[in-house]
Amino acid sequence: LSAFEEIRICTGYEFGGVKVHFYDLDSYQLGRVKPIYETLPGWQSDIRGVRKFSDLPPEAQAYVERVEELVGVRVGWVANGPEREALMERDS
């Protein structure tokens, strides 16, 4: 995600001009829903090698915190690269 100027998070769906819950839709409707996006600023800096959440750019921290708010679950681990070791435990 580090390469993006903005990052969009799908926060819901619209069908026929009405906000709907994904799980309430049948297969016909699923093909015709319009995603509702929330746009957050990207951080456009290489975060590989960062080992502490508090050392991430503020925009990256805000992204993780917004995901937490949307799903209602605390994110305990954050990956900052494709390698297995590129994982940091979230600061308390």
C-alpha atoms as a PDB file:
ATOM      1  CA  LEU A   1       0.000   0.000   0.000  1.00  0.00           C
ATOM      2  CA  SER A   2       3.000   2.295   0.373  1.00  0.00           C
ATOM      3  CA  ALA A   3       2.905   3.284  -3.299  1.00  0.00           C
ATOM      4  CA  PHE A   4      -0.590   4.769  -3.258  1.00  0.00           C
ATOM      5  CA  GLU A   5      -1.363   8.468  -2.886  1.00  0.00           C
ATOM      6  CA  GLU A   6      -4.805   7.541  -1.541  1.00  0.00           C
ATOM      7  CA  ILE A   7      -6.227   4.297  -0.188  1.00  0.00           C
ATOM      8  CA  ARG A   8      -9.892   3.465  -0.536  1.00  0.00           C
ATOM      9  CA  ILE A   9     -11.709   1.252   1.943  1.00  0.00           C
ATOM     10  CA  CYS A  10     -15.067  -0.216   0.974  1.00  0.00           C
ATOM     11  CA  THR A  11     -17.405   0.603   3.864  1.00  0.00           C
ATOM     12  CA  GLY A  12     -20.692  -0.578   2.391  1.00  0.00           C
ATOM     13  CA  TYR A  13     -22.750  -1.201  -0.712  1.00  0.00           C
ATOM     14  CA  GLU A  14     -25.510   0.592  -2.568  1.00  0.00           C
ATOM     15  CA  PHE A  15     -28.221  -1.093  -4.611  1.00  0.00           C
ATOM     16  CA  GLY A  16     -30.842   0.949  -6.414  1.00  0.00           C
ATOM     17  CA  GLY A  17     -29.783   4.088  -4.555  1.00  0.00           C
ATOM     18  CA  VAL A  18     -30.207   2.444  -1.142  1.00  0.00           C
ATOM     19  CA  LYS A  19     -27.411   1.420   1.230  1.00  0.00           C
ATOM     20  CA  VAL A  20     -27.647  -2.344   1.729  1.00  0.00           C
ATOM     21  CA  HIS A  21     -25.884  -5.033   3.729  1.00  0.00           C
ATOM     22  CA  PHE A  22     -23.843  -7.408   1.589  1.00  0.00           C
ATOM     23  CA  TYR A  23     -25.286 -10.513   3.257  1.00  0.00           C
ATOM     24  CA  ASP A  24     -28.872  -9.458   2.429  1.00  0.00           C
ATOM     25  CA  LEU A  25     -28.310  -9.640  -1.335  1.00  0.00           C
ATOM     26  CA  ASP A  26     -29.107 -12.430  -3.754  1.00  0.00           C
ATOM     27  CA  SER A  27     -26.815 -13.388  -6.645  1.00  0.00           C
ATOM     28  CA  TYR A  28     -28.637 -11.091  -9.102  1.00  0.00           C
ATOM     29  CA  GLN A  29     -28.199  -8.090  -6.820  1.00  0.00           C
ATOM     30  CA  LEU A  30     -24.578  -8.913  -6.020  1.00  0.00           C
ATOM     31  CA  GLY A  31     -23.631  -8.300  -9.639  1.00  0.00           C
ATOM     32  CA  ARG A  32     -25.226  -4.866  -9.574  1.00  0.00           C
ATOM     33  CA  VAL A  33     -24.189  -3.339  -6.273  1.00  0.00           C
ATOM     34  CA  LYS A  34     -22.093  -0.206  -6.151  1.00  0.00           C
ATOM     35  CA  PRO A  35     -19.365  -0.146  -3.491  1.00  0.00           C
ATOM     36  CA  ILE A  36     -19.276   2.816  -1.115  1.00  0.00           C
ATOM     37  CA  TYR A  37     -15.701   3.912  -0.475  1.00  0.00           C
ATOM     38  CA  GLU A  38     -14.021   5.965   2.195  1.00  0.00           C
ATOM     39  CA  THR A  39     -10.762   7.520   1.021  1.00  0.00           C
ATOM     40  CA  LEU A  40      -7.774   7.875   3.316  1.00  0.00           C
ATOM     41  CA  PRO A  41      -4.440   9.519   2.538  1.00  0.00           C
ATOM     42  CA  GLY A  42      -1.612   7.179   1.610  1.00  0.00           C
ATOM     43  CA  TRP A  43       1.857   7.431   3.102  1.00  0.00           C
ATOM     44  CA  GLN A  44       3.991   6.979  -0.028  1.00  0.00           C
ATOM     45  CA  SER A  45       7.107   5.964   1.848  1.00  0.00           C
ATOM     46  CA  ASP A  46       8.841   2.635   2.183  1.00  0.00           C
ATOM     47  CA  ILE A  47       7.894   1.097   5.522  1.00  0.00           C
ATOM     48  CA  ARG A  48       9.845  -2.127   5.065  1.00  0.00           C
ATOM     49  CA  GLY A  49      12.123  -2.564   8.018  1.00  0.00           C
ATOM     50  CA  VAL A  50       9.914  -0.634  10.434  1.00  0.00           C
ATOM     51  CA  ARG A  51       9.551  -2.759  13.570  1.00  0.00           C
ATOM     52  CA  LYS A  52       7.372  -0.592  15.831  1.00  0.00           C
ATOM     53  CA  PHE A  53       3.833   0.526  15.047  1.00  0.00           C
ATOM     54  CA  SER A  54       4.577   3.940  16.550  1.00  0.00           C
ATOM     55  CA  ASP A  55       7.395   4.368  13.983  1.00  0.00           C
ATOM     56  CA  LEU A  56       5.024   3.979  11.027  1.00  0.00           C
ATOM     57  CA  PRO A  57       4.000   7.153   9.186  1.00  0.00           C
ATOM     58  CA  PRO A  58       0.933   8.775  10.810  1.00  0.00           C
ATOM     59  CA  GLU A  59      -1.123   7.972   7.690  1.00  0.00           C
ATOM     60  CA  ALA A  60      -0.301   4.263   7.980  1.00  0.00           C
ATOM     61  CA  GLN A  61      -1.231   4.283  11.661  1.00  0.00           C
ATOM     62  CA  ALA A  62      -4.499   6.072  10.833  1.00  0.00           C
ATOM     63  CA  TYR A  63      -5.281   3.450   8.183  1.00  0.00           C
ATOM     64  CA  VAL A  64      -4.871   0.587  10.663  1.00  0.00           C
ATOM     65  CA  GLU A  65      -6.916   2.451  13.278  1.00  0.00           C
ATOM     66  CA  ARG A  66      -9.721   3.113  10.789  1.00  0.00           C
ATOM     67  CA  VAL A  67      -9.842  -0.572   9.815  1.00  0.00           C
ATOM     68  CA  GLU A  68     -10.134  -1.381  13.523  1.00  0.00           C
ATOM     69  CA  GLU A  69     -13.064   1.032  13.876  1.00  0.00           C
ATOM     70  CA  LEU A  70     -14.858  -0.411  10.871  1.00  0.00           C
ATOM     71  CA  VAL A  71     -14.524  -4.069  11.849  1.00  0.00           C
ATOM     72  CA  GLY A  72     -14.769  -3.567  15.605  1.00  0.00           C
ATOM     73  CA  VAL A  73     -11.656  -5.623  16.353  1.00  0.00           C
ATOM     74  CA  ARG A  74      -8.210  -4.496  17.480  1.00  0.00           C
ATOM     75  CA  VAL A  75      -5.407  -5.226  15.008  1.00  0.00           C
ATOM     76  CA  GLY A  76      -2.665  -6.982  16.961  1.00  0.00           C
ATOM     77  CA  TRP A  77      -0.147  -7.525  14.161  1.00  0.00           C
ATOM     78  CA  VAL A  78       0.758  -5.434  11.117  1.00  0.00           C
ATOM     79  CA  ALA A  79       2.659  -6.702   8.072  1.00  0.00           C
ATOM     80  CA  ASN A  80       4.953  -4.272   6.297  1.00  0.00           C
ATOM     81  CA  GLY A  81       6.303  -6.447   3.515  1.00  0.00           C
ATOM     82  CA  PRO A  82       5.864  -9.794   1.753  1.00  0.00           C
ATOM     83  CA  GLU A  83       8.398 -11.672   3.871  1.00  0.00           C
ATOM     84  CA  ARG A  84       7.268 -13.822   6.757  1.00  0.00           C
ATOM     85  CA  GLU A  85       9.488 -11.800   9.098  1.00  0.00           C
ATOM     86  CA  ALA A  86       7.936  -8.502   7.973  1.00  0.00           C
ATOM     87  CA  LEU A  87       5.500  -8.514  10.840  1.00  0.00           C
ATOM     88  CA  MET A  88       5.296  -6.216  13.827  1.00  0.00           C
ATOM     89  CA  GLU A  89       3.297  -6.611  16.983  1.00  0.00           C
ATOM     90  CA  ARG A  90       1.031  -3.665  17.617  1.00  0.00           C
ATOM     91  CA  ASP A  91       2.167  -1.386  20.447  1.00  0.00           C
ATOM     92  CA  SER A  92      -0.005  -1.467  23.534  1.00  0.00           C
END
